[in-house]
Amino acid sequence: MILRHSFTSRLLSAQLCLPPTTCLHFAWQGAIDHIFEAYQQILPQIKGHLCEGAKINRPALLRLLRELSKYEGEAFGNMSRRNQRVLKKVEQRAPWQGTDGMDFETAVAAELRSYEEAVYLVSVQSDTIRLGEVGWHERYYHQKAGLAEGGSIAECSQAMCLAYLEGIEWTMGYYYDTTPSWSWFYPYHYAPFASDFVTHAPKLQQGAKLQKGAPWPPLAQLMAVLPPQSSSCLPQAHRRLMRDKTSPLATIYPSDFVEDFNGKQWTWQDQHHTCSMLCFAVIIP
């Protein structure tokens, strides 16, 4: 009943169209339980439900995010303490002695454990944000959102929150009603934190007013979603635009680009939450 009449299941589906918020990240242990617990906490306090059809109740959604922000802080603290334990354990551990003298099964298990610990250690050591440690919020917006030194973190995080709520409303309309806008896009590679929505809640109450616009031509839509390696699906003229290095669209289809695994240990782990640092394709009709 909760899934049917509330916005919870749809809020999760919005994560397929937007960068994942930390409070809804499935990598969190017990994330789904936290969402239901938060919903149960706020249900007596909100009017109606979190959504009615394709429309969301912004004040109620912000109330839910306020409740989820409590789990966010707890998760960051747990993450920081776990990482510190790993680093301390590695420092105190005796050097790896190999598997000589072990039976086959024990040797395989030891090798796998050693490899997993080494990969996890690299992940911890290369983490420059260090969520849960002093200054993590500032580091996130400077390093992830590209905020210049001296820039306003408050203004940047508020703009991201506004855009993110627009993205949720766009997703709701797209899946459950009609496309709210053909030109709208989320202009950031990363999401704000649940705590940011709490901070800026008074300025986030009004729903989005998106411009409808017109859809791109079908072939342009395919060019927007296909990689250059799949250009054979398109006419020859369009293939050249996607693959020719002298093409005016060459910057949209780079041969090399950075992938941010966002704290993941493995390339196959939770690939939807891996961020490909591609430029945003903005086509002005």
C-alpha atoms as a PDB file:
ATOM      1  CA  MET A   1       0.000   0.000   0.000  1.00  0.00           C
ATOM      2  CA  ILE A   2       2.809   2.407   0.822  1.00  0.00           C
ATOM      3  CA  LEU A   3       4.477   1.730  -2.508  1.00  0.00           C
ATOM      4  CA  ARG A   4       1.245   2.181  -4.398  1.00  0.00           C
ATOM      5  CA  HIS A   5      -0.072   5.334  -2.753  1.00  0.00           C
ATOM      6  CA  SER A   6       3.129   7.147  -1.844  1.00  0.00           C
ATOM      7  CA  PHE A   7       5.954   8.494  -3.875  1.00  0.00           C
ATOM      8  CA  THR A   8       8.521   6.069  -2.444  1.00  0.00           C
ATOM      9  CA  SER A   9       8.777   3.645  -5.359  1.00  0.00           C
ATOM     10  CA  ARG A  10       8.738   6.495  -7.861  1.00  0.00           C
ATOM     11  CA  LEU A  11      11.364   8.382  -5.932  1.00  0.00           C
ATOM     12  CA  LEU A  12      13.583   5.327  -6.326  1.00  0.00           C
ATOM     13  CA  SER A  13      12.856   5.157 -10.052  1.00  0.00           C
ATOM     14  CA  ALA A  14      13.925   8.810 -10.400  1.00  0.00           C
ATOM     15  CA  GLN A  15      17.434   7.657  -9.487  1.00  0.00           C
ATOM     16  CA  LEU A  16      17.604   6.004 -12.923  1.00  0.00           C
ATOM     17  CA  CYS A  17      17.445   9.445 -14.595  1.00  0.00           C
ATOM     18  CA  LEU A  18      19.493  11.485 -12.121  1.00  0.00           C
ATOM     19  CA  PRO A  19      22.799  11.090 -10.293  1.00  0.00           C
ATOM     20  CA  PRO A  20      22.095   9.093  -7.115  1.00  0.00           C
ATOM     21  CA  THR A  21      21.603  10.975  -3.867  1.00  0.00           C
ATOM     22  CA  THR A  22      23.547   9.520  -0.972  1.00  0.00           C
ATOM     23  CA  CYS A  23      20.376   9.064   1.080  1.00  0.00           C
ATOM     24  CA  LEU A  24      18.896   6.754  -1.587  1.00  0.00           C
ATOM     25  CA  HIS A  25      22.080   4.954  -2.554  1.00  0.00           C
ATOM     26  CA  PHE A  26      21.429   1.212  -2.589  1.00  0.00           C
ATOM     27  CA  ALA A  27      25.016   0.601  -1.483  1.00  0.00           C
ATOM     28  CA  TRP A  28      24.011   1.789   1.973  1.00  0.00           C
ATOM     29  CA  GLN A  29      23.297  -1.069   4.284  1.00  0.00           C
ATOM     30  CA  GLY A  30      19.574  -0.995   5.043  1.00  0.00           C
ATOM     31  CA  ALA A  31      18.855   1.904   2.664  1.00  0.00           C
ATOM     32  CA  ILE A  32      15.405   0.617   1.711  1.00  0.00           C
ATOM     33  CA  ASP A  33      14.523   0.084   5.372  1.00  0.00           C
ATOM     34  CA  HIS A  34      15.580   3.650   6.146  1.00  0.00           C
ATOM     35  CA  ILE A  35      13.313   5.011   3.417  1.00  0.00           C
ATOM     36  CA  PHE A  36      10.287   3.154   4.769  1.00  0.00           C
ATOM     37  CA  GLU A  37      11.106   4.132   8.340  1.00  0.00           C
ATOM     38  CA  ALA A  38      11.381   7.779   7.299  1.00  0.00           C
ATOM     39  CA  TYR A  39       8.097   7.575   5.394  1.00  0.00           C
ATOM     40  CA  GLN A  40       6.327   6.097   8.421  1.00  0.00           C
ATOM     41  CA  GLN A  41       7.707   8.901  10.577  1.00  0.00           C
ATOM     42  CA  ILE A  42       6.437  11.711   8.358  1.00  0.00           C
ATOM     43  CA  LEU A  43       3.125  10.222   7.167  1.00  0.00           C
ATOM     44  CA  PRO A  44       1.084  11.550  10.130  1.00  0.00           C
ATOM     45  CA  GLN A  45       2.618  14.999   9.619  1.00  0.00           C
ATOM     46  CA  ILE A  46       1.920  15.554   5.919  1.00  0.00           C
ATOM     47  CA  LYS A  47      -1.294  16.325   4.123  1.00  0.00           C
ATOM     48  CA  GLY A  48      -2.239  13.537   1.751  1.00  0.00           C
ATOM     49  CA  HIS A  49       0.607  11.601   0.162  1.00  0.00           C
ATOM     50  CA  LEU A  50       3.956  12.398  -1.338  1.00  0.00           C
ATOM     51  CA  CYS A  51       2.491  12.278  -4.812  1.00  0.00           C
ATOM     52  CA  GLU A  52      -0.869  12.518  -6.501  1.00  0.00           C
ATOM     53  CA  GLY A  53      -0.615  10.934  -9.912  1.00  0.00           C
ATOM     54  CA  ALA A  54       2.405  12.481 -11.611  1.00  0.00           C
ATOM     55  CA  LYS A  55       2.510  15.499  -9.301  1.00  0.00           C
ATOM     56  CA  ILE A  56       4.719  15.561  -6.227  1.00  0.00           C
ATOM     57  CA  ASN A  57       3.994  17.319  -2.986  1.00  0.00           C
ATOM     58  CA  ARG A  58       7.207  19.322  -2.577  1.00  0.00           C
ATOM     59  CA  PRO A  59       6.776  20.234   1.101  1.00  0.00           C
ATOM     60  CA  ALA A  60       6.136  16.575   1.914  1.00  0.00           C
ATOM     61  CA  LEU A  61       9.111  15.447  -0.163  1.00  0.00           C
ATOM     62  CA  LEU A  62      11.354  17.944   1.627  1.00  0.00           C
ATOM     63  CA  ARG A  63      10.025  16.619   4.923  1.00  0.00           C
ATOM     64  CA  LEU A  64      11.007  13.107   3.860  1.00  0.00           C
ATOM     65  CA  LEU A  65      14.490  14.297   2.873  1.00  0.00           C
ATOM     66  CA  ARG A  66      14.837  15.968   6.261  1.00  0.00           C
ATOM     67  CA  GLU A  67      14.148  12.622   7.919  1.00  0.00           C
ATOM     68  CA  LEU A  68      16.531  10.796   5.579  1.00  0.00           C
ATOM     69  CA  SER A  69      19.289  13.306   6.298  1.00  0.00           C
ATOM     70  CA  LYS A  70      19.534  11.802   9.792  1.00  0.00           C
ATOM     71  CA  TYR A  71      20.569   8.465   8.283  1.00  0.00           C
ATOM     72  CA  GLU A  72      22.954  10.237   5.915  1.00  0.00           C
ATOM     73  CA  GLY A  73      25.010  11.696   8.756  1.00  0.00           C
ATOM     74  CA  GLU A  74      25.018   8.352  10.559  1.00  0.00           C
ATOM     75  CA  ALA A  75      26.159   6.543   7.401  1.00  0.00           C
ATOM     76  CA  PHE A  76      28.996   8.992   6.766  1.00  0.00           C
ATOM     77  CA  GLY A  77      30.187   8.602  10.335  1.00  0.00           C
ATOM     78  CA  ASN A  78      30.118   4.800  10.057  1.00  0.00           C
ATOM     79  CA  MET A  79      31.962   4.971   6.734  1.00  0.00           C
ATOM     80  CA  SER A  80      34.674   7.195   8.171  1.00  0.00           C
ATOM     81  CA  ARG A  81      35.178   4.954  11.209  1.00  0.00           C
ATOM     82  CA  ARG A  82      35.313   1.833   9.036  1.00  0.00           C
ATOM     83  CA  ASN A  83      37.916   3.364   6.753  1.00  0.00           C
ATOM     84  CA  GLN A  84      40.029   4.396   9.742  1.00  0.00           C
ATOM     85  CA  ARG A  85      39.863   0.830  11.082  1.00  0.00           C
ATOM     86  CA  VAL A  86      40.994  -0.528   7.724  1.00  0.00           C
ATOM     87  CA  LEU A  87      43.957   1.845   7.566  1.00  0.00           C
ATOM     88  CA  LYS A  88      44.948   1.049  11.135  1.00  0.00           C
ATOM     89  CA  LYS A  89      44.640  -2.696  10.507  1.00  0.00           C
ATOM     90  CA  VAL A  90      46.871  -2.459   7.431  1.00  0.00           C
ATOM     91  CA  GLU A  91      49.490  -0.483   9.337  1.00  0.00           C
ATOM     92  CA  GLN A  92      49.607  -3.076  12.121  1.00  0.00           C
ATOM     93  CA  ARG A  93      49.494  -6.176   9.919  1.00  0.00           C
ATOM     94  CA  ALA A  94      52.612  -8.194   9.300  1.00  0.00           C
ATOM     95  CA  PRO A  95      53.912  -8.247   5.706  1.00  0.00           C
ATOM     96  CA  TRP A  96      52.259 -10.744   3.359  1.00  0.00           C
ATOM     97  CA  GLN A  97      54.089 -14.074   3.603  1.00  0.00           C
ATOM     98  CA  GLY A  98      52.516 -15.813   0.630  1.00  0.00           C
ATOM     99  CA  THR A  99      50.661 -19.119   0.664  1.00  0.00           C
ATOM    100  CA  ASP A 100      53.551 -21.575   1.014  1.00  0.00           C
ATOM    101  CA  GLY A 101      52.605 -24.509   3.203  1.00  0.00           C
ATOM    102  CA  MET A 102      48.837 -23.955   2.899  1.00  0.00           C
ATOM    103  CA  ASP A 103      46.442 -26.449   1.359  1.00  0.00           C
ATOM    104  CA  PHE A 104      44.770 -25.409  -1.896  1.00  0.00           C
ATOM    105  CA  GLU A 105      41.467 -24.106  -0.504  1.00  0.00           C
ATOM    106  CA  THR A 106      43.127 -22.154   2.292  1.00  0.00           C
ATOM    107  CA  ALA A 107      45.655 -20.694  -0.143  1.00  0.00           C
ATOM    108  CA  VAL A 108      42.939 -19.573  -2.594  1.00  0.00           C
ATOM    109  CA  ALA A 109      40.914 -17.995   0.211  1.00  0.00           C
ATOM    110  CA  ALA A 110      44.002 -16.197   1.535  1.00  0.00           C
ATOM    111  CA  GLU A 111      44.943 -14.900  -1.915  1.00  0.00           C
ATOM    112  CA  LEU A 112      41.410 -13.599  -2.540  1.00  0.00           C
ATOM    113  CA  ARG A 113      41.243 -11.953   0.876  1.00  0.00           C
ATOM    114  CA  SER A 114      44.615 -10.304   0.335  1.00  0.00           C
ATOM    115  CA  TYR A 115      43.579  -9.012  -3.082  1.00  0.00           C
ATOM    116  CA  GLU A 116      40.231  -7.674  -1.829  1.00  0.00           C
ATOM    117  CA  GLU A 117      41.915  -5.927   1.084  1.00  0.00           C
ATOM    118  CA  ALA A 118      44.478  -4.380  -1.267  1.00  0.00           C
ATOM    119  CA  VAL A 119      41.776  -3.076  -3.620  1.00  0.00           C
ATOM    120  CA  TYR A 120      39.727  -1.702  -0.730  1.00  0.00           C
ATOM    121  CA  LEU A 121      42.834  -0.031   0.679  1.00  0.00           C
ATOM    122  CA  VAL A 122      43.489   1.708  -2.645  1.00  0.00           C
ATOM    123  CA  SER A 123      39.864   2.864  -2.657  1.00  0.00           C
ATOM    124  CA  VAL A 124      40.212   4.333   0.833  1.00  0.00           C
ATOM    125  CA  GLN A 125      43.580   5.931   0.191  1.00  0.00           C
ATOM    126  CA  SER A 126      42.448   7.526  -3.084  1.00  0.00           C
ATOM    127  CA  ASP A 127      39.284   8.987  -1.536  1.00  0.00           C
ATOM    128  CA  THR A 128      39.877  12.733  -1.429  1.00  0.00           C
ATOM    129  CA  ILE A 129      36.394  13.656  -0.171  1.00  0.00           C
ATOM    130  CA  ARG A 130      36.514  11.539   3.029  1.00  0.00           C
ATOM    131  CA  LEU A 131      32.838  11.750   3.898  1.00  0.00           C
ATOM    132  CA  GLY A 132      32.256  12.042   7.618  1.00  0.00           C
ATOM    133  CA  GLU A 133      35.574  13.758   8.314  1.00  0.00           C
ATOM    134  CA  VAL A 134      35.935  17.447   9.065  1.00  0.00           C
ATOM    135  CA  GLY A 135      35.547  19.533   5.901  1.00  0.00           C
ATOM    136  CA  TRP A 136      33.866  16.819   3.789  1.00  0.00           C
ATOM    137  CA  HIS A 137      31.051  19.121   2.637  1.00  0.00           C
ATOM    138  CA  GLU A 138      33.430  21.792   1.355  1.00  0.00           C
ATOM    139  CA  ARG A 139      35.694  19.212  -0.298  1.00  0.00           C
ATOM    140  CA  TYR A 140      32.716  17.665  -2.089  1.00  0.00           C
ATOM    141  CA  TYR A 141      31.551  20.885  -3.713  1.00  0.00           C
ATOM    142  CA  HIS A 142      35.039  22.008  -4.655  1.00  0.00           C
ATOM    143  CA  GLN A 143      36.138  18.662  -6.089  1.00  0.00           C
ATOM    144  CA  LYS A 144      32.926  17.109  -7.384  1.00  0.00           C
ATOM    145  CA  ALA A 145      30.841  20.131  -8.355  1.00  0.00           C
ATOM    146  CA  GLY A 146      33.882  22.033  -9.646  1.00  0.00           C
ATOM    147  CA  LEU A 147      33.280  25.047  -7.430  1.00  0.00           C
ATOM    148  CA  ALA A 148      36.204  27.444  -7.662  1.00  0.00           C
ATOM    149  CA  GLU A 149      38.116  28.480  -4.565  1.00  0.00           C
ATOM    150  CA  GLY A 150      36.275  31.326  -2.921  1.00  0.00           C
ATOM    151  CA  GLY A 151      32.992  30.387  -4.604  1.00  0.00           C
ATOM    152  CA  SER A 152      29.807  30.204  -2.553  1.00  0.00           C
ATOM    153  CA  ILE A 153      29.048  26.655  -1.453  1.00  0.00           C
ATOM    154  CA  ALA A 154      25.602  27.812  -0.291  1.00  0.00           C
ATOM    155  CA  GLU A 155      24.720  29.178  -3.727  1.00  0.00           C
ATOM    156  CA  CYS A 156      26.111  26.128  -5.521  1.00  0.00           C
ATOM    157  CA  SER A 157      24.322  23.598  -3.301  1.00  0.00           C
ATOM    158  CA  GLN A 158      21.051  25.538  -3.508  1.00  0.00           C
ATOM    159  CA  ALA A 159      21.223  25.588  -7.320  1.00  0.00           C
ATOM    160  CA  MET A 160      21.892  21.841  -7.338  1.00  0.00           C
ATOM    161  CA  CYS A 161      18.956  21.207  -4.999  1.00  0.00           C
ATOM    162  CA  LEU A 162      16.621  23.250  -7.198  1.00  0.00           C
ATOM    163  CA  ALA A 163      17.775  21.440 -10.334  1.00  0.00           C
ATOM    164  CA  TYR A 164      17.506  18.059  -8.620  1.00  0.00           C
ATOM    165  CA  LEU A 165      13.900  18.669  -7.546  1.00  0.00           C
ATOM    166  CA  GLU A 166      13.125  19.775 -11.092  1.00  0.00           C
ATOM    167  CA  GLY A 167      14.664  16.499 -12.238  1.00  0.00           C
ATOM    168  CA  ILE A 168      12.421  14.456  -9.949  1.00  0.00           C
ATOM    169  CA  GLU A 169       9.359  16.356 -11.202  1.00  0.00           C
ATOM    170  CA  TRP A 170      10.511  15.911 -14.806  1.00  0.00           C
ATOM    171  CA  THR A 171      10.967  12.170 -14.252  1.00  0.00           C
ATOM    172  CA  MET A 172       7.539  11.843 -12.648  1.00  0.00           C
ATOM    173  CA  GLY A 173       5.914  13.605 -15.581  1.00  0.00           C
ATOM    174  CA  TYR A 174       7.882  11.637 -18.159  1.00  0.00           C
ATOM    175  CA  TYR A 175       6.955   8.226 -16.746  1.00  0.00           C
ATOM    176  CA  TYR A 176       3.478   8.833 -15.392  1.00  0.00           C
ATOM    177  CA  ASP A 177       1.955  11.614 -17.519  1.00  0.00           C
ATOM    178  CA  THR A 178       3.691  13.372 -20.398  1.00  0.00           C
ATOM    179  CA  THR A 179       7.114  14.861 -21.040  1.00  0.00           C
ATOM    180  CA  PRO A 180       7.156  18.160 -19.065  1.00  0.00           C
ATOM    181  CA  SER A 181       9.948  19.652 -21.159  1.00  0.00           C
ATOM    182  CA  TRP A 182      11.900  18.568 -24.218  1.00  0.00           C
ATOM    183  CA  SER A 183      14.859  20.831 -23.486  1.00  0.00           C
ATOM    184  CA  TRP A 184      15.367  20.404 -19.735  1.00  0.00           C
ATOM    185  CA  PHE A 185      18.424  18.529 -18.419  1.00  0.00           C
ATOM    186  CA  TYR A 186      20.147  18.181 -15.072  1.00  0.00           C
ATOM    187  CA  PRO A 187      23.270  20.362 -15.479  1.00  0.00           C
ATOM    188  CA  TYR A 188      25.509  18.602 -12.935  1.00  0.00           C
ATOM    189  CA  HIS A 189      27.372  15.302 -12.805  1.00  0.00           C
ATOM    190  CA  TYR A 190      26.636  14.788  -9.104  1.00  0.00           C
ATOM    191  CA  ALA A 191      23.734  15.142  -6.685  1.00  0.00           C
ATOM    192  CA  PRO A 192      23.387  17.308  -3.579  1.00  0.00           C
ATOM    193  CA  PHE A 193      23.151  15.776  -0.109  1.00  0.00           C
ATOM    194  CA  ALA A 194      19.931  15.233   1.807  1.00  0.00           C
ATOM    195  CA  SER A 195      21.243  17.721   4.372  1.00  0.00           C
ATOM    196  CA  ASP A 196      21.500  20.354   1.625  1.00  0.00           C
ATOM    197  CA  PHE A 197      17.783  20.038   0.929  1.00  0.00           C
ATOM    198  CA  VAL A 198      17.185  20.623   4.634  1.00  0.00           C
ATOM    199  CA  THR A 199      19.404  23.714   4.658  1.00  0.00           C
ATOM    200  CA  HIS A 200      17.701  25.276   1.635  1.00  0.00           C
ATOM    201  CA  ALA A 201      14.154  23.995   2.271  1.00  0.00           C
ATOM    202  CA  PRO A 202      12.554  27.493   2.660  1.00  0.00           C
ATOM    203  CA  LYS A 203      13.701  28.391  -0.871  1.00  0.00           C
ATOM    204  CA  LEU A 204      12.702  25.059  -2.440  1.00  0.00           C
ATOM    205  CA  GLN A 205       8.968  24.997  -1.785  1.00  0.00           C
ATOM    206  CA  GLN A 206       7.667  26.084  -5.192  1.00  0.00           C
ATOM    207  CA  GLY A 207       7.221  23.543  -7.968  1.00  0.00           C
ATOM    208  CA  ALA A 208       9.217  23.746 -11.189  1.00  0.00           C
ATOM    209  CA  LYS A 209       7.983  25.760 -14.161  1.00  0.00           C
ATOM    210  CA  LEU A 210       9.565  23.980 -17.100  1.00  0.00           C
ATOM    211  CA  GLN A 211       9.342  25.213 -20.680  1.00  0.00           C
ATOM    212  CA  LYS A 212       7.692  22.597 -22.888  1.00  0.00           C
ATOM    213  CA  GLY A 213       9.696  23.207 -26.057  1.00  0.00           C
ATOM    214  CA  ALA A 214       9.699  20.735 -28.930  1.00  0.00           C
ATOM    215  CA  PRO A 215      11.279  17.283 -29.278  1.00  0.00           C
ATOM    216  CA  TRP A 216      14.471  16.800 -31.234  1.00  0.00           C
ATOM    217  CA  PRO A 217      14.194  15.040 -34.603  1.00  0.00           C
ATOM    218  CA  PRO A 218      14.403  11.233 -34.208  1.00  0.00           C
ATOM    219  CA  LEU A 219      17.926  10.944 -35.619  1.00  0.00           C
ATOM    220  CA  ALA A 220      19.170  13.736 -33.345  1.00  0.00           C
ATOM    221  CA  GLN A 221      17.682  11.877 -30.381  1.00  0.00           C
ATOM    222  CA  LEU A 222      19.606   8.760 -31.381  1.00  0.00           C
ATOM    223  CA  MET A 223      22.798  10.790 -31.698  1.00  0.00           C
ATOM    224  CA  ALA A 224      22.235  12.028 -28.155  1.00  0.00           C
ATOM    225  CA  VAL A 225      22.048   8.558 -26.607  1.00  0.00           C
ATOM    226  CA  LEU A 226      24.262   6.359 -28.796  1.00  0.00           C
ATOM    227  CA  PRO A 227      28.055   6.212 -28.429  1.00  0.00           C
ATOM    228  CA  PRO A 228      30.207   6.677 -31.549  1.00  0.00           C
ATOM    229  CA  GLN A 229      30.788   2.913 -31.652  1.00  0.00           C
ATOM    230  CA  SER A 230      27.080   2.484 -32.451  1.00  0.00           C
ATOM    231  CA  SER A 231      26.994   5.121 -35.185  1.00  0.00           C
ATOM    232  CA  SER A 232      26.525   2.371 -37.793  1.00  0.00           C
ATOM    233  CA  CYS A 233      22.849   2.440 -36.762  1.00  0.00           C
ATOM    234  CA  LEU A 234      22.574   5.902 -38.354  1.00  0.00           C
ATOM    235  CA  PRO A 235      22.849   7.287 -41.892  1.00  0.00           C
ATOM    236  CA  GLN A 236      26.325   7.961 -43.254  1.00  0.00           C
ATOM    237  CA  ALA A 237      26.140  11.746 -42.777  1.00  0.00           C
ATOM    238  CA  HIS A 238      25.290  11.317 -39.107  1.00  0.00           C
ATOM    239  CA  ARG A 239      28.072   8.758 -38.624  1.00  0.00           C
ATOM    240  CA  ARG A 240      30.636  11.307 -39.810  1.00  0.00           C
ATOM    241  CA  LEU A 241      29.354  13.849 -37.289  1.00  0.00           C
ATOM    242  CA  MET A 242      29.844  11.313 -34.512  1.00  0.00           C
ATOM    243  CA  ARG A 243      33.186   9.796 -35.540  1.00  0.00           C
ATOM    244  CA  ASP A 244      35.119  12.406 -37.551  1.00  0.00           C
ATOM    245  CA  LYS A 245      37.650  14.246 -35.353  1.00  0.00           C
ATOM    246  CA  THR A 246      37.082  17.418 -37.399  1.00  0.00           C
ATOM    247  CA  SER A 247      33.321  17.273 -36.842  1.00  0.00           C
ATOM    248  CA  PRO A 248      31.761  20.331 -35.143  1.00  0.00           C
ATOM    249  CA  LEU A 249      30.311  17.847 -32.646  1.00  0.00           C
ATOM    250  CA  ALA A 250      33.649  16.146 -31.903  1.00  0.00           C
ATOM    251  CA  THR A 251      33.779  17.421 -28.302  1.00  0.00           C
ATOM    252  CA  ILE A 252      30.490  15.643 -27.565  1.00  0.00           C
ATOM    253  CA  TYR A 253      31.970  12.282 -28.590  1.00  0.00           C
ATOM    254  CA  PRO A 254      35.447  12.081 -26.985  1.00  0.00           C
ATOM    255  CA  SER A 255      37.479   8.918 -27.484  1.00  0.00           C
ATOM    256  CA  ASP A 256      38.864   9.219 -23.948  1.00  0.00           C
ATOM    257  CA  PHE A 257      37.099  10.488 -20.859  1.00  0.00           C
ATOM    258  CA  VAL A 258      37.360  10.200 -17.090  1.00  0.00           C
ATOM    259  CA  GLU A 259      35.175   7.782 -15.148  1.00  0.00           C
ATOM    260  CA  ASP A 260      34.623   8.550 -11.478  1.00  0.00           C
ATOM    261  CA  PHE A 261      33.800   5.364  -9.594  1.00  0.00           C
ATOM    262  CA  ASN A 262      32.606   7.465  -6.689  1.00  0.00           C
ATOM    263  CA  GLY A 263      34.125   5.277  -4.001  1.00  0.00           C
ATOM    264  CA  LYS A 264      33.357   1.929  -5.686  1.00  0.00           C
ATOM    265  CA  GLN A 265      35.968  -0.763  -5.327  1.00  0.00           C
ATOM    266  CA  TRP A 266      35.283  -2.649  -8.573  1.00  0.00           C
ATOM    267  CA  THR A 267      34.606  -1.576 -12.155  1.00  0.00           C
ATOM    268  CA  TRP A 268      31.501  -3.807 -12.270  1.00  0.00           C
ATOM    269  CA  GLN A 269      30.094  -2.616  -8.948  1.00  0.00           C
ATOM    270  CA  ASP A 270      26.896  -0.591  -9.182  1.00  0.00           C
ATOM    271  CA  GLN A 271      27.746   0.728 -12.637  1.00  0.00           C
ATOM    272  CA  HIS A 272      24.757   3.094 -12.750  1.00  0.00           C
ATOM    273  CA  HIS A 273      26.424   5.098  -9.991  1.00  0.00           C
ATOM    274  CA  THR A 274      29.718   5.402 -11.871  1.00  0.00           C
ATOM    275  CA  CYS A 275      29.992   8.902 -13.291  1.00  0.00           C
ATOM    276  CA  SER A 276      31.273   9.349 -16.856  1.00  0.00           C
ATOM    277  CA  MET A 277      32.643  12.883 -17.068  1.00  0.00           C
ATOM    278  CA  LEU A 278      31.195  13.793 -20.448  1.00  0.00           C
ATOM    279  CA  CYS A 279      30.214  17.293 -21.484  1.00  0.00           C
ATOM    280  CA  PHE A 280      26.515  18.201 -21.648  1.00  0.00           C
ATOM    281  CA  ALA A 281      25.118  18.342 -25.185  1.00  0.00           C
ATOM    282  CA  VAL A 282      23.026  21.499 -25.468  1.00  0.00           C
ATOM    283  CA  ILE A 283      21.479  21.947 -28.906  1.00  0.00           C
ATOM    284  CA  ILE A 284      19.802  25.276 -29.605  1.00  0.00           C
ATOM    285  CA  PRO A 285      17.154  24.989 -32.333  1.00  0.00           C
END
